[in-house]
Each structure stands twice: as structure tokens, then as C-alpha cells.
Amino acid sequence: MPDNSSQLNATLKSQDTEEWLDIHFTRPLGLLWARLFHRLGVHPNTVTVLSIILGAAAGVLFYFENLGLNVLGILLLVWANIYDSCDGQLARMTGQKTRLGRVLDGFAGDVWFFCIYAAICLRLTPTWGLWIWVLCAVAGFLCHGKQCALADYYRNIHLFFLKGEGGSELDNSRKLTQEFVTLSWKDDPVWKVFLYFYRNYTASQERMTPRAQHFLTTVYKTYAGTAIPERLRQDFRAGSLPLMPLANILTFNCRAITLYAAILVGQPWLYPVVEITLFTTLFLYMRSRHERLCETLTAQIPGKA
């Protein structure tokens, strides 16, 4: 029976891409739940559904101008995030990793924040009118979604070069489209719907990263059927590793802490404002650095200079 430390490490994606708060708080609690769910025979996707319910309930509680209910909402969102960690840890622990699980995992966060934005809008409409809906629409659709998608994509590219295909969830929209076309609406309607949205999500990540796409395509063609040279892996990791903290900022923890602070001081409008300003600035900087890295490494591949 492995000790707690070794079992926890086995359920992490990598030390390169994990956040301090996750390593020391979210992941250990997620591991405790994963062990319990494993003994009960609960599937990781069921845990994801539970996280969706908890996160949606948290969003509803942010509607009320009541500190007690707001604190309860914060605790529910923390709980939902622990389950969001637990589902992946349980999947890695039991070997039940599926693409459906990855799609559901991304969908969970979308549901949480849709409910949160809606609660903020409904709460502030009496004083802000239509403008709070405009502010949250810009923050949610034009900023939040792109920020999280790009951060997720960069972490998966990093994991691909660090651990190979088996350690990454990096996908390709072209292959997903080919799979989508082969599916039947009659025989696979649910998966076809999921795949439709997942393909579009992956395509949106690729549109934001043209130089990364050229780099990956060049790597696949140059080293088809052979291992990617260790030097190239190391060079990519060295350039990508400093960007992982930025990717982490643009995912959940820093975003949630900003939300909690805005809710607790009774000024929930601050949350979308920070997303539009500070987080967007970090997003643009991270993308610029990563695109330059990919362009530089592409030129260093033999025959591609």
C-alpha cells in the first residue's frame, strides 16, 4: 500500500503544471474523496456531475446580498473545485480516464461561472441596469472563455513535451472532425453532441495559436514514427515552464480568490472588471511569449530553418 505522499504524486498531472494551493490543499482533499469514491465504486464522471451541481448552487447563493449565504456559496464553490480535482485523481487512480470525462470536466467550469455571472447580473440589475449584463457578457464570453481555453491548451502542450501523448490530453480539431463525421446521430447521439462542442472548443484553441500550430505540425511531420529528440523536449520545457504560473493564474484559483474578495466586500462588479483588465493583460502576454517560443523552436528543427 503506497504512502500518502507517493499516492498523491501519482494522481498529479505533473509538478510543472500544478499550483501551490492545489498541491497543498485541493489535491490532498481530492485524494481523500477519490479514495472514498473508489471504495464505493463511483465513476469519475459521476463526481464531475456532483461538482457541477455544487458549483451551480454556489452561483445561486451569490445572488443574495446576505453575507452568510455568500460565505456558504464560497464554501460550496471550494467543495465543487475539490470534486473537480477528485474526478481527475480518481480517473488516474483507477485507469478510467476518458475523453468524455475531459469534456465534462470543461463543461463543469462553464456551468459554474455561467451561474455566477447570472447571479451577479441579477443582483446588480436594480442599480446598474443593462450595463451589468454588458459588462459580464464581455468578461464571460470575450475574456473568461478564451483565457481558460488558452491556459488549458498551453498546459496540455507542455505535458505533451514533458510526458508524451500518454501524459497529455492534447487533441487536434481535424482528427476530432473526422471522428465526428463517422459517428451516427442514430447510434451515438449523445457522444456526437459532446464531440461537436469539444471539437469547436479545440478549434478555438488552435485559432488563437497559429505559430504553435505550425510548430506542432512540423514536429509531427519531421518525427513521424520516431521519438521527438530529447533536446527539443528540454528546450520546449525550458521555454514553456516560466509560462505555467501564468496559465495557472488564468484557470481557477486566482480567479476564484478574486471572486471571493469581490463578493465579501459587497462589490461583485469588481470580478468581471478584473477579468477584463488584469487577466486579459496576462492572457495577451502569455500568448505572445508562447508564440515566440514556438516560432524559435520551429526554426531550429533540421531542414526547417
Protein backbone atom coordinates (compact mmCIF):
# COMPACT_ATOMS: atom_id res chain seq x y z
CA MET A 1 0.00 0.00 0.00
CA PRO A 2 1.69 3.27 -1.11
CA ASP A 3 2.05 6.05 1.46
CA ASN A 4 0.02 9.25 1.21
CA SER A 5 2.81 11.23 -0.44
CA SER A 6 3.54 8.72 -3.18
CA GLN A 7 -0.14 8.14 -3.90
CA LEU A 8 -0.76 11.89 -4.07
CA ASN A 9 2.14 12.33 -6.50
CA ALA A 10 0.75 9.53 -8.65
CA THR A 11 -2.54 11.42 -9.04
CA LEU A 12 -0.93 14.72 -10.06
CA LYS A 13 -0.59 15.66 -13.71
CA SER A 14 2.95 16.96 -13.16
CA GLN A 15 4.90 19.15 -10.76
CA ASP A 16 5.48 21.56 -13.66
CA THR A 17 1.79 22.36 -14.09
CA GLU A 18 0.41 22.08 -10.57
CA GLU A 19 -0.26 25.14 -8.40
CA TRP A 20 0.96 25.52 -4.81
CA LEU A 21 -2.60 25.82 -3.49
CA ASP A 22 -3.64 22.69 -5.37
CA ILE A 23 -0.64 20.65 -4.19
CA HIS A 24 -1.08 21.61 -0.55
CA PHE A 25 -4.86 21.93 -0.26
CA THR A 26 -7.08 20.91 -3.17
CA ARG A 27 -5.24 17.76 -4.29
CA PRO A 28 -4.83 16.23 -0.79
CA LEU A 29 -8.54 16.73 -0.08
CA GLY A 30 -9.38 15.50 -3.55
CA LEU A 31 -7.32 12.37 -2.91
CA LEU A 32 -9.31 11.64 0.29
CA TRP A 33 -12.55 11.87 -1.66
CA ALA A 34 -11.06 9.82 -4.52
CA ARG A 35 -10.20 7.01 -2.11
CA LEU A 36 -13.74 7.06 -0.70
CA PHE A 37 -15.37 7.11 -4.14
CA HIS A 38 -13.03 4.33 -5.28
CA ARG A 39 -14.17 2.12 -2.39
CA LEU A 40 -17.80 2.93 -3.19
CA GLY A 41 -17.32 2.15 -6.90
CA VAL A 42 -18.27 5.67 -8.01
CA HIS A 43 -17.21 6.57 -11.56
CA PRO A 44 -15.13 9.75 -12.07
CA ASN A 45 -17.81 11.20 -14.37
CA THR A 46 -20.35 10.93 -11.56
CA VAL A 47 -18.03 13.01 -9.38
CA THR A 48 -17.86 15.61 -12.15
CA VAL A 49 -21.66 15.81 -12.23
CA LEU A 50 -21.68 16.33 -8.46
CA SER A 51 -19.19 19.18 -8.89
CA ILE A 52 -21.50 20.77 -11.47
CA ILE A 53 -24.39 20.69 -9.01
CA LEU A 54 -22.29 22.17 -6.18
CA GLY A 55 -20.83 24.91 -8.39
CA ALA A 56 -24.23 25.88 -9.78
CA ALA A 57 -25.66 26.07 -6.25
CA ALA A 58 -22.76 28.31 -5.25
CA GLY A 59 -23.57 30.67 -8.10
CA VAL A 60 -27.20 30.93 -6.99
CA LEU A 61 -26.12 31.92 -3.47
CA PHE A 62 -24.03 34.81 -4.81
CA TYR A 63 -27.28 36.47 -5.92
CA PHE A 64 -28.27 37.32 -2.36
CA GLU A 65 -26.97 40.39 -0.51
CA ASN A 66 -26.54 38.28 2.60
CA LEU A 67 -23.07 37.63 3.96
CA GLY A 68 -23.99 34.26 5.47
CA LEU A 69 -25.40 32.98 2.19
CA ASN A 70 -22.43 34.39 0.29
CA VAL A 71 -19.97 32.60 2.58
CA LEU A 72 -21.98 29.39 2.10
CA GLY A 73 -21.70 29.94 -1.66
CA ILE A 74 -17.92 30.31 -1.35
CA LEU A 75 -17.69 27.07 0.63
CA LEU A 76 -19.80 25.25 -1.98
CA LEU A 77 -17.58 26.52 -4.78
CA VAL A 78 -14.48 25.36 -2.85
CA TRP A 79 -16.16 21.97 -2.46
CA ALA A 80 -17.03 21.88 -6.16
CA ASN A 81 -13.39 22.59 -7.01
CA ILE A 82 -12.23 19.78 -4.72
CA TYR A 83 -14.54 17.43 -6.61
CA ASP A 84 -13.21 18.85 -9.87
CA SER A 85 -9.77 17.78 -8.68
CA CYS A 86 -11.06 14.49 -7.31
CA ASP A 87 -12.58 13.31 -10.61
CA GLY A 88 -9.22 13.52 -12.41
CA GLN A 89 -7.36 11.96 -9.49
CA LEU A 90 -9.91 9.14 -9.33
CA ALA A 91 -9.60 8.61 -13.08
CA ARG A 92 -5.80 8.38 -12.89
CA MET A 93 -6.02 6.16 -9.80
CA THR A 94 -8.41 3.69 -11.44
CA GLY A 95 -7.35 3.98 -15.09
CA GLN A 96 -10.80 5.34 -16.02
CA LYS A 97 -9.59 8.35 -17.99
CA THR A 98 -11.95 9.06 -20.89
CA ARG A 99 -12.40 11.84 -23.40
CA LEU A 100 -16.00 12.18 -22.20
CA GLY A 101 -14.57 12.88 -18.75
CA ARG A 102 -12.38 15.64 -20.17
CA VAL A 103 -15.36 17.20 -21.96
CA LEU A 104 -17.49 17.03 -18.81
CA ASP A 105 -14.66 18.49 -16.77
CA GLY A 106 -14.51 21.57 -19.00
CA PHE A 107 -18.30 21.80 -19.09
CA ALA A 108 -18.39 21.84 -15.27
CA GLY A 109 -16.43 25.09 -15.06
CA ASP A 110 -18.62 26.66 -17.74
CA VAL A 111 -21.76 25.85 -15.75
CA TRP A 112 -20.28 27.21 -12.51
CA PHE A 113 -19.34 30.55 -13.99
CA PHE A 114 -22.48 30.90 -16.10
CA CYS A 115 -24.46 30.67 -12.86
CA ILE A 116 -22.05 33.07 -11.14
CA TYR A 117 -22.30 35.68 -13.91
CA ALA A 118 -26.09 35.35 -13.98
CA ALA A 119 -26.27 35.81 -10.19
CA ILE A 120 -24.06 38.91 -10.34
CA CYS A 121 -26.18 40.39 -13.14
CA LEU A 122 -29.48 39.72 -11.40
CA ARG A 123 -28.12 41.05 -8.10
CA LEU A 124 -26.86 44.33 -9.60
CA THR A 125 -29.56 44.98 -12.21
CA PRO A 126 -31.61 47.23 -9.86
CA THR A 127 -28.66 49.65 -9.61
CA TRP A 128 -26.70 49.02 -12.82
CA GLY A 129 -29.50 48.26 -15.24
CA LEU A 130 -28.48 46.80 -18.60
CA TRP A 131 -24.82 47.77 -18.14
CA ILE A 132 -24.02 44.96 -15.72
CA TRP A 133 -25.23 42.46 -18.32
CA VAL A 134 -22.96 44.07 -20.93
CA LEU A 135 -20.01 44.03 -18.52
CA CYS A 136 -20.49 40.36 -17.61
CA ALA A 137 -21.08 39.37 -21.24
CA VAL A 138 -17.75 40.94 -22.25
CA ALA A 139 -15.99 39.35 -19.27
CA GLY A 140 -17.57 35.93 -19.72
CA PHE A 141 -17.71 35.41 -23.49
CA LEU A 142 -14.82 37.55 -24.75
CA CYS A 143 -12.36 37.20 -21.87
CA HIS A 144 -13.00 34.35 -19.41
CA GLY A 145 -13.64 31.64 -22.00
CA LYS A 146 -10.59 32.47 -24.10
CA GLN A 147 -8.34 32.86 -21.07
CA CYS A 148 -9.23 29.46 -19.64
CA ALA A 149 -9.12 27.73 -23.02
CA LEU A 150 -5.65 29.04 -23.82
CA ALA A 151 -4.30 28.25 -20.36
CA ASP A 152 -5.67 24.70 -20.63
CA TYR A 153 -4.15 24.31 -24.10
CA TYR A 154 -0.71 25.53 -23.08
CA ARG A 155 -0.63 23.19 -20.09
CA ASN A 156 -1.51 20.25 -22.33
CA ILE A 157 1.18 21.16 -24.88
CA HIS A 158 3.64 21.38 -22.00
CA LEU A 159 2.56 17.96 -20.72
CA PHE A 160 2.89 16.52 -24.23
CA PHE A 161 6.56 17.51 -24.46
CA LEU A 162 7.18 16.59 -20.82
CA LYS A 163 5.44 13.20 -20.64
CA GLY A 164 4.41 12.28 -24.19
CA GLU A 165 0.95 11.54 -25.55
CA GLY A 166 0.02 9.33 -22.60
CA GLY A 167 0.56 12.15 -20.12
CA SER A 168 -1.31 14.82 -22.04
CA GLU A 169 -4.87 15.49 -23.21
CA LEU A 170 -3.72 17.37 -26.30
CA ASP A 171 -6.19 16.94 -29.15
CA ASN A 172 -6.49 18.03 -32.77
CA SER A 173 -9.66 19.50 -34.27
CA ARG A 174 -9.03 17.88 -37.65
CA LYS A 175 -8.96 14.40 -36.13
CA LEU A 176 -11.98 15.24 -33.99
CA THR A 177 -13.87 16.33 -37.11
CA GLN A 178 -13.02 13.06 -38.85
CA GLU A 179 -14.32 11.16 -35.82
CA PHE A 180 -17.43 13.35 -35.68
CA VAL A 181 -18.27 12.62 -39.33
CA THR A 182 -18.01 8.85 -38.81
CA LEU A 183 -20.49 8.87 -35.91
CA SER A 184 -24.18 8.29 -36.46
CA TRP A 185 -26.87 10.50 -34.93
CA LYS A 186 -28.96 7.36 -34.62
CA ASP A 187 -26.39 5.16 -32.85
CA ASP A 188 -24.25 7.73 -30.96
CA PRO A 189 -26.37 10.87 -30.46
CA VAL A 190 -25.05 11.82 -27.01
CA TRP A 191 -21.38 11.42 -27.84
CA LYS A 192 -21.87 13.17 -31.19
CA VAL A 193 -23.28 16.21 -29.37
CA PHE A 194 -20.40 16.20 -26.87
CA LEU A 195 -17.87 15.77 -29.66
CA TYR A 196 -19.40 18.66 -31.61
CA PHE A 197 -18.78 21.10 -28.76
CA TYR A 198 -15.42 19.59 -27.85
CA ARG A 199 -14.24 19.87 -31.46
CA ASN A 200 -15.29 23.53 -31.55
CA TYR A 201 -13.52 24.15 -28.25
CA THR A 202 -10.31 22.57 -29.58
CA ALA A 203 -10.59 24.53 -32.84
CA SER A 204 -10.90 27.77 -30.87
CA GLN A 205 -7.65 26.92 -29.04
CA GLU A 206 -5.91 26.30 -32.35
CA ARG A 207 -7.14 29.58 -33.87
CA MET A 208 -5.56 31.51 -31.00
CA THR A 209 -2.17 29.82 -31.52
CA PRO A 210 -1.09 29.90 -35.20
CA ARG A 211 2.65 29.63 -34.53
CA ALA A 212 2.11 26.83 -32.04
CA GLN A 213 0.08 25.00 -34.70
CA HIS A 214 2.90 25.41 -37.22
CA PHE A 215 5.39 24.15 -34.64
CA LEU A 216 3.31 21.09 -33.70
CA THR A 217 2.63 20.24 -37.35
CA THR A 218 6.33 20.49 -38.12
CA VAL A 219 7.20 18.26 -35.16
CA TYR A 220 4.61 15.63 -36.15
CA LYS A 221 5.81 15.55 -39.78
CA THR A 222 9.53 15.65 -39.04
CA TYR A 223 9.47 12.98 -36.34
CA ALA A 224 6.61 10.82 -37.59
CA GLY A 225 7.18 7.27 -36.41
CA THR A 226 10.17 8.25 -34.27
CA ALA A 227 10.69 9.75 -30.85
CA ILE A 228 10.87 13.52 -30.51
CA PRO A 229 14.53 14.37 -29.75
CA GLU A 230 15.22 14.83 -26.05
CA ARG A 231 16.97 18.14 -26.74
CA LEU A 232 13.82 19.54 -28.37
CA ARG A 233 11.72 18.36 -25.44
CA GLN A 234 14.10 20.01 -23.00
CA ASP A 235 14.25 23.26 -24.97
CA PHE A 236 10.47 23.45 -25.13
CA ARG A 237 10.11 22.71 -21.42
CA ALA A 238 12.69 25.37 -20.56
CA GLY A 239 10.78 28.00 -22.54
CA SER A 240 7.30 26.87 -21.52
CA LEU A 241 7.89 26.33 -17.79
CA PRO A 242 8.03 30.06 -16.90
CA LEU A 243 4.60 30.45 -18.53
CA MET A 244 2.92 27.76 -16.43
CA PRO A 245 2.35 30.10 -13.44
CA LEU A 246 0.55 32.49 -15.81
CA ALA A 247 -1.55 29.63 -17.15
CA ASN A 248 -2.43 28.69 -13.59
CA ILE A 249 -3.45 32.26 -12.75
CA LEU A 250 -5.85 32.18 -15.70
CA THR A 251 -7.56 28.95 -14.65
CA PHE A 252 -9.37 28.63 -11.31
CA ASN A 253 -7.62 29.53 -8.07
CA CYS A 254 -6.66 33.17 -8.65
CA ARG A 255 -9.93 33.74 -10.47
CA ALA A 256 -11.89 32.28 -7.57
CA ILE A 257 -9.97 34.26 -4.95
CA THR A 258 -10.75 37.44 -6.90
CA LEU A 259 -14.42 36.46 -6.99
CA TYR A 260 -14.50 35.67 -3.26
CA ALA A 261 -12.95 39.03 -2.39
CA ALA A 262 -15.43 40.91 -4.60
CA ILE A 263 -18.39 39.07 -3.08
CA LEU A 264 -17.20 39.50 0.53
CA VAL A 265 -16.72 43.27 0.19
CA GLY A 266 -20.17 43.57 -1.38
CA GLN A 267 -18.88 44.74 -4.78
CA PRO A 268 -19.35 41.76 -7.15
CA TRP A 269 -18.88 44.00 -10.21
CA LEU A 270 -15.17 44.09 -9.38
CA TYR A 271 -14.81 40.48 -10.52
CA PRO A 272 -15.69 40.98 -14.21
CA VAL A 273 -13.68 44.22 -14.25
CA VAL A 274 -10.53 42.35 -13.10
CA GLU A 275 -11.16 39.68 -15.75
CA ILE A 276 -11.39 42.28 -18.49
CA THR A 277 -8.33 44.26 -17.38
CA LEU A 278 -5.71 42.34 -15.40
CA PHE A 279 -6.45 38.80 -16.61
CA THR A 280 -6.69 39.89 -20.24
CA THR A 281 -3.30 41.61 -19.97
CA LEU A 282 -1.77 38.39 -18.61
CA PHE A 283 -3.52 36.40 -21.35
CA LEU A 284 -2.05 38.57 -24.13
CA TYR A 285 1.44 38.47 -22.61
CA MET A 286 1.36 34.69 -22.16
CA ARG A 287 0.18 34.12 -25.73
CA SER A 288 2.85 36.44 -27.14
CA ARG A 289 5.63 34.67 -25.21
CA HIS A 290 4.41 31.20 -26.18
CA GLU A 291 4.03 32.09 -29.85
CA ARG A 292 7.59 33.47 -29.95
CA LEU A 293 8.87 30.30 -28.28
CA CYS A 294 7.17 28.10 -30.89
CA GLU A 295 8.48 30.21 -33.76
CA THR A 296 12.03 29.98 -32.41
CA LEU A 297 11.91 26.22 -31.90
CA THR A 298 10.36 25.62 -35.33
CA ALA A 299 13.34 27.35 -36.94
CA GLN A 300 15.70 25.04 -35.03
CA ILE A 301 14.18 21.81 -36.36
CA PRO A 302 16.50 20.32 -39.01
CA GLY A 303 15.51 21.36 -42.52
CA LYS A 304 13.01 23.96 -41.27
CA ALA A 305 15.27 26.92 -40.69
